[in-house]
Amino acid sequence: MTRQDIHHGVFWGLLGEVTKSLTKLESRSDVVSDVVSDVVSDVVNQEHFVCSSLNGANEVIEKRVVTVGLLNANQVHPREVFSDAFAERAASIILVHNHPSGTTAPSHEDIAVTKRLVEAGEILGIKIHDHIIVSKNEHTSMKERGLI
């Protein structure tokens, strides 16, 4: 087992524990505080891209790590983001990824990927509520910044 496998296993285990009691997401702060903020920023020093699938009542259907990136980069493709959400008949999704560097300002790549995912979601009929970037001490909502 590699170190990356261990980090991924720890991340996945903690994410599951944190979200077991979560039934409905009411706001971005629910996502950040109850789902991934502490888990993503404290456990890994690689980018993790997480997707939470929601039903029409904003209840969590499933949450999963879509991709694990390098130290400061992550390749995300709409196929991987939407495949499970589509199969789960999700009405919407919330995307979250961490920036191990500590800054939560969206990069040009973050913005481009988000726009591409929003377009794909519109075609599939799955709304993206938000894409949140987290670090150990802060988070940035791309929706609040007007990027979605």
C-alpha atoms as a PDB file:
ATOM      1  CA  MET A   1       0.000   0.000   0.000  1.00  0.00           C
ATOM      2  CA  THR A   2       1.442   3.361  -1.026  1.00  0.00           C
ATOM      3  CA  ARG A   3       1.384   6.538   0.999  1.00  0.00           C
ATOM      4  CA  GLN A   4      -1.167   7.952  -1.437  1.00  0.00           C
ATOM      5  CA  ASP A   5      -3.418   4.918  -0.827  1.00  0.00           C
ATOM      6  CA  ILE A   6      -3.156   5.504   2.916  1.00  0.00           C
ATOM      7  CA  HIS A   7      -3.998   9.228   2.582  1.00  0.00           C
ATOM      8  CA  HIS A   8      -6.905   8.397   0.290  1.00  0.00           C
ATOM      9  CA  GLY A   9      -8.173   5.715   2.698  1.00  0.00           C
ATOM     10  CA  VAL A  10      -7.941   8.020   5.707  1.00  0.00           C
ATOM     11  CA  PHE A  11      -9.628  10.827   3.779  1.00  0.00           C
ATOM     12  CA  TRP A  12     -12.454   8.574   2.582  1.00  0.00           C
ATOM     13  CA  GLY A  13     -12.979   7.088   6.062  1.00  0.00           C
ATOM     14  CA  LEU A  14     -13.170  10.461   7.749  1.00  0.00           C
ATOM     15  CA  LEU A  15     -15.420  11.884   5.060  1.00  0.00           C
ATOM     16  CA  GLY A  16     -17.825   8.996   5.606  1.00  0.00           C
ATOM     17  CA  GLU A  17     -17.804   9.443   9.383  1.00  0.00           C
ATOM     18  CA  VAL A  18     -18.347  13.199   9.170  1.00  0.00           C
ATOM     19  CA  THR A  19     -21.281  12.901   6.771  1.00  0.00           C
ATOM     20  CA  LYS A  20     -23.147   9.923   8.257  1.00  0.00           C
ATOM     21  CA  SER A  21     -25.468  12.144  10.243  1.00  0.00           C
ATOM     22  CA  LEU A  22     -25.867  14.780   7.554  1.00  0.00           C
ATOM     23  CA  THR A  23     -29.256  14.489   5.905  1.00  0.00           C
ATOM     24  CA  LYS A  24     -29.908  17.849   4.316  1.00  0.00           C
ATOM     25  CA  LEU A  25     -27.660  20.632   3.134  1.00  0.00           C
ATOM     26  CA  GLU A  26     -29.144  24.018   3.880  1.00  0.00           C
ATOM     27  CA  SER A  27     -26.207  26.286   3.066  1.00  0.00           C
ATOM     28  CA  ARG A  28     -22.594  26.460   1.981  1.00  0.00           C
ATOM     29  CA  SER A  29     -21.540  26.544   5.612  1.00  0.00           C
ATOM     30  CA  ASP A  30     -23.194  23.132   6.063  1.00  0.00           C
ATOM     31  CA  VAL A  31     -21.048  21.771   3.268  1.00  0.00           C
ATOM     32  CA  VAL A  32     -17.859  23.339   4.540  1.00  0.00           C
ATOM     33  CA  SER A  33     -18.229  22.674   8.244  1.00  0.00           C
ATOM     34  CA  ASP A  34     -20.059  19.342   8.175  1.00  0.00           C
ATOM     35  CA  VAL A  35     -18.687  17.687   5.075  1.00  0.00           C
ATOM     36  CA  VAL A  36     -15.139  18.472   4.103  1.00  0.00           C
ATOM     37  CA  SER A  37     -13.406  21.481   5.582  1.00  0.00           C
ATOM     38  CA  ASP A  38     -11.590  19.786   8.440  1.00  0.00           C
ATOM     39  CA  VAL A  39     -11.222  16.494   6.616  1.00  0.00           C
ATOM     40  CA  VAL A  40      -9.767  17.840   3.387  1.00  0.00           C
ATOM     41  CA  SER A  41      -7.446  20.416   4.850  1.00  0.00           C
ATOM     42  CA  ASP A  42      -6.120  18.419   7.803  1.00  0.00           C
ATOM     43  CA  VAL A  43      -5.644  14.989   6.277  1.00  0.00           C
ATOM     44  CA  VAL A  44      -4.190  15.465   2.825  1.00  0.00           C
ATOM     45  CA  ASN A  45      -1.470  17.466   1.222  1.00  0.00           C
ATOM     46  CA  GLN A  46      -2.768  16.707  -2.251  1.00  0.00           C
ATOM     47  CA  GLU A  47      -5.772  18.122  -4.006  1.00  0.00           C
ATOM     48  CA  HIS A  48      -8.928  16.049  -3.560  1.00  0.00           C
ATOM     49  CA  PHE A  49     -11.988  16.801  -5.672  1.00  0.00           C
ATOM     50  CA  VAL A  50     -15.219  15.796  -3.901  1.00  0.00           C
ATOM     51  CA  CYS A  51     -18.767  15.651  -5.247  1.00  0.00           C
ATOM     52  CA  SER A  52     -21.921  15.497  -3.124  1.00  0.00           C
ATOM     53  CA  SER A  53     -25.014  14.383  -5.028  1.00  0.00           C
ATOM     54  CA  LEU A  54     -28.322  15.826  -3.813  1.00  0.00           C
ATOM     55  CA  ASN A  55     -31.934  14.945  -4.450  1.00  0.00           C
ATOM     56  CA  GLY A  56     -34.647  17.522  -5.135  1.00  0.00           C
ATOM     57  CA  ALA A  57     -34.953  18.320  -1.401  1.00  0.00           C
ATOM     58  CA  ASN A  58     -31.171  18.979  -1.123  1.00  0.00           C
ATOM     59  CA  GLU A  59     -30.683  15.770   0.833  1.00  0.00           C
ATOM     60  CA  VAL A  60     -27.365  14.042   0.321  1.00  0.00           C
ATOM     61  CA  ILE A  61     -27.707  10.937  -1.811  1.00  0.00           C
ATOM     62  CA  GLU A  62     -24.013  10.145  -1.961  1.00  0.00           C
ATOM     63  CA  LYS A  63     -20.651  11.781  -1.518  1.00  0.00           C
ATOM     64  CA  ARG A  64     -17.439  10.640  -3.121  1.00  0.00           C
ATOM     65  CA  VAL A  65     -13.900  11.574  -3.967  1.00  0.00           C
ATOM     66  CA  VAL A  66     -13.897  12.046  -7.728  1.00  0.00           C
ATOM     67  CA  THR A  67     -10.172  12.508  -8.221  1.00  0.00           C
ATOM     68  CA  VAL A  68      -6.973  12.826  -6.243  1.00  0.00           C
ATOM     69  CA  GLY A  69      -4.462  15.177  -7.753  1.00  0.00           C
ATOM     70  CA  LEU A  70      -0.881  16.117  -7.305  1.00  0.00           C
ATOM     71  CA  LEU A  71       0.537  18.551  -4.803  1.00  0.00           C
ATOM     72  CA  ASN A  72      -1.056  21.558  -6.468  1.00  0.00           C
ATOM     73  CA  ALA A  73      -3.056  20.298  -9.433  1.00  0.00           C
ATOM     74  CA  ASN A  74      -5.969  18.018 -10.214  1.00  0.00           C
ATOM     75  CA  GLN A  75      -7.423  16.894 -13.519  1.00  0.00           C
ATOM     76  CA  VAL A  76     -11.200  16.822 -13.470  1.00  0.00           C
ATOM     77  CA  HIS A  77     -13.401  15.721 -16.344  1.00  0.00           C
ATOM     78  CA  PRO A  78     -17.200  16.044 -16.557  1.00  0.00           C
ATOM     79  CA  ARG A  79     -17.496  12.318 -17.241  1.00  0.00           C
ATOM     80  CA  GLU A  80     -16.084  11.439 -13.815  1.00  0.00           C
ATOM     81  CA  VAL A  81     -18.003  14.160 -11.992  1.00  0.00           C
ATOM     82  CA  PHE A  82     -21.423  13.367 -13.446  1.00  0.00           C
ATOM     83  CA  SER A  83     -21.322   9.597 -14.001  1.00  0.00           C
ATOM     84  CA  ASP A  84     -22.340   8.634 -10.472  1.00  0.00           C
ATOM     85  CA  ALA A  85     -24.630  11.646 -10.017  1.00  0.00           C
ATOM     86  CA  PHE A  86     -26.449  10.706 -13.218  1.00  0.00           C
ATOM     87  CA  ALA A  87     -26.782   7.062 -12.161  1.00  0.00           C
ATOM     88  CA  GLU A  88     -28.059   8.172  -8.729  1.00  0.00           C
ATOM     89  CA  ARG A  89     -30.654  10.407 -10.408  1.00  0.00           C
ATOM     90  CA  ALA A  90     -29.304  13.424  -8.559  1.00  0.00           C
ATOM     91  CA  ALA A  91     -31.119  16.713  -9.043  1.00  0.00           C
ATOM     92  CA  SER A  92     -28.018  18.703  -8.213  1.00  0.00           C
ATOM     93  CA  ILE A  93     -24.464  18.476  -6.949  1.00  0.00           C
ATOM     94  CA  ILE A  94     -22.061  20.467  -4.837  1.00  0.00           C
ATOM     95  CA  LEU A  95     -18.383  20.347  -5.716  1.00  0.00           C
ATOM     96  CA  VAL A  96     -15.586  20.836  -3.216  1.00  0.00           C
ATOM     97  CA  HIS A  97     -11.858  20.656  -3.553  1.00  0.00           C
ATOM     98  CA  ASN A  98      -8.970  21.639  -1.377  1.00  0.00           C
ATOM     99  CA  HIS A  99      -5.958  23.806  -2.032  1.00  0.00           C
ATOM    100  CA  PRO A 100      -3.088  22.374   0.024  1.00  0.00           C
ATOM    101  CA  SER A 101      -1.222  25.665  -0.450  1.00  0.00           C
ATOM    102  CA  GLY A 102      -3.639  27.312   1.986  1.00  0.00           C
ATOM    103  CA  THR A 103      -4.998  29.944  -0.386  1.00  0.00           C
ATOM    104  CA  THR A 104      -8.576  29.490  -1.512  1.00  0.00           C
ATOM    105  CA  ALA A 105      -8.564  31.968  -4.371  1.00  0.00           C
ATOM    106  CA  PRO A 106      -9.859  30.193  -7.483  1.00  0.00           C
ATOM    107  CA  SER A 107      -7.141  29.650 -10.075  1.00  0.00           C
ATOM    108  CA  HIS A 108      -7.751  30.239 -13.773  1.00  0.00           C
ATOM    109  CA  GLU A 109      -7.937  26.452 -14.142  1.00  0.00           C
ATOM    110  CA  ASP A 110     -10.507  26.215 -11.288  1.00  0.00           C
ATOM    111  CA  ILE A 111     -12.686  28.783 -13.041  1.00  0.00           C
ATOM    112  CA  ALA A 112     -12.366  27.111 -16.451  1.00  0.00           C
ATOM    113  CA  VAL A 113     -13.153  23.648 -15.041  1.00  0.00           C
ATOM    114  CA  THR A 114     -16.154  25.001 -13.139  1.00  0.00           C
ATOM    115  CA  LYS A 115     -17.573  26.691 -16.240  1.00  0.00           C
ATOM    116  CA  ARG A 116     -17.132  23.465 -18.201  1.00  0.00           C
ATOM    117  CA  LEU A 117     -18.857  21.444 -15.465  1.00  0.00           C
ATOM    118  CA  VAL A 118     -21.751  23.921 -15.218  1.00  0.00           C
ATOM    119  CA  GLU A 119     -22.271  23.640 -18.994  1.00  0.00           C
ATOM    120  CA  ALA A 120     -22.197  19.840 -18.812  1.00  0.00           C
ATOM    121  CA  GLY A 121     -24.629  19.898 -15.888  1.00  0.00           C
ATOM    122  CA  GLU A 122     -27.046  22.077 -17.826  1.00  0.00           C
ATOM    123  CA  ILE A 123     -27.033  19.565 -20.688  1.00  0.00           C
ATOM    124  CA  LEU A 124     -27.595  16.651 -18.294  1.00  0.00           C
ATOM    125  CA  GLY A 125     -30.185  18.454 -16.182  1.00  0.00           C
ATOM    126  CA  ILE A 126     -28.049  18.313 -13.025  1.00  0.00           C
ATOM    127  CA  LYS A 127     -27.557  21.719 -11.418  1.00  0.00           C
ATOM    128  CA  ILE A 128     -24.289  22.642  -9.749  1.00  0.00           C
ATOM    129  CA  HIS A 129     -25.221  24.539  -6.596  1.00  0.00           C
ATOM    130  CA  ASP A 130     -21.671  25.595  -5.833  1.00  0.00           C
ATOM    131  CA  HIS A 131     -18.002  24.791  -6.174  1.00  0.00           C
ATOM    132  CA  ILE A 132     -16.239  25.442  -2.889  1.00  0.00           C
ATOM    133  CA  ILE A 133     -12.490  25.629  -2.428  1.00  0.00           C
ATOM    134  CA  VAL A 134     -11.278  24.853   1.080  1.00  0.00           C
ATOM    135  CA  SER A 135      -8.043  25.091   3.008  1.00  0.00           C
ATOM    136  CA  LYS A 136      -7.197  24.623   6.637  1.00  0.00           C
ATOM    137  CA  ASN A 137      -8.383  28.076   7.687  1.00  0.00           C
ATOM    138  CA  GLU A 138     -10.826  29.324   5.087  1.00  0.00           C
ATOM    139  CA  HIS A 139     -13.100  28.549   2.189  1.00  0.00           C
ATOM    140  CA  THR A 140     -14.222  30.304  -0.968  1.00  0.00           C
ATOM    141  CA  SER A 141     -17.561  29.813  -2.651  1.00  0.00           C
ATOM    142  CA  MET A 142     -17.361  30.250  -6.402  1.00  0.00           C
ATOM    143  CA  LYS A 143     -21.101  30.948  -6.403  1.00  0.00           C
ATOM    144  CA  GLU A 144     -20.698  33.776  -3.889  1.00  0.00           C
ATOM    145  CA  ARG A 145     -17.966  35.215  -6.109  1.00  0.00           C
ATOM    146  CA  GLY A 146     -20.343  35.203  -9.067  1.00  0.00           C
ATOM    147  CA  LEU A 147     -18.406  32.515 -10.936  1.00  0.00           C
ATOM    148  CA  ILE A 148     -21.417  30.169 -11.158  1.00  0.00           C
END
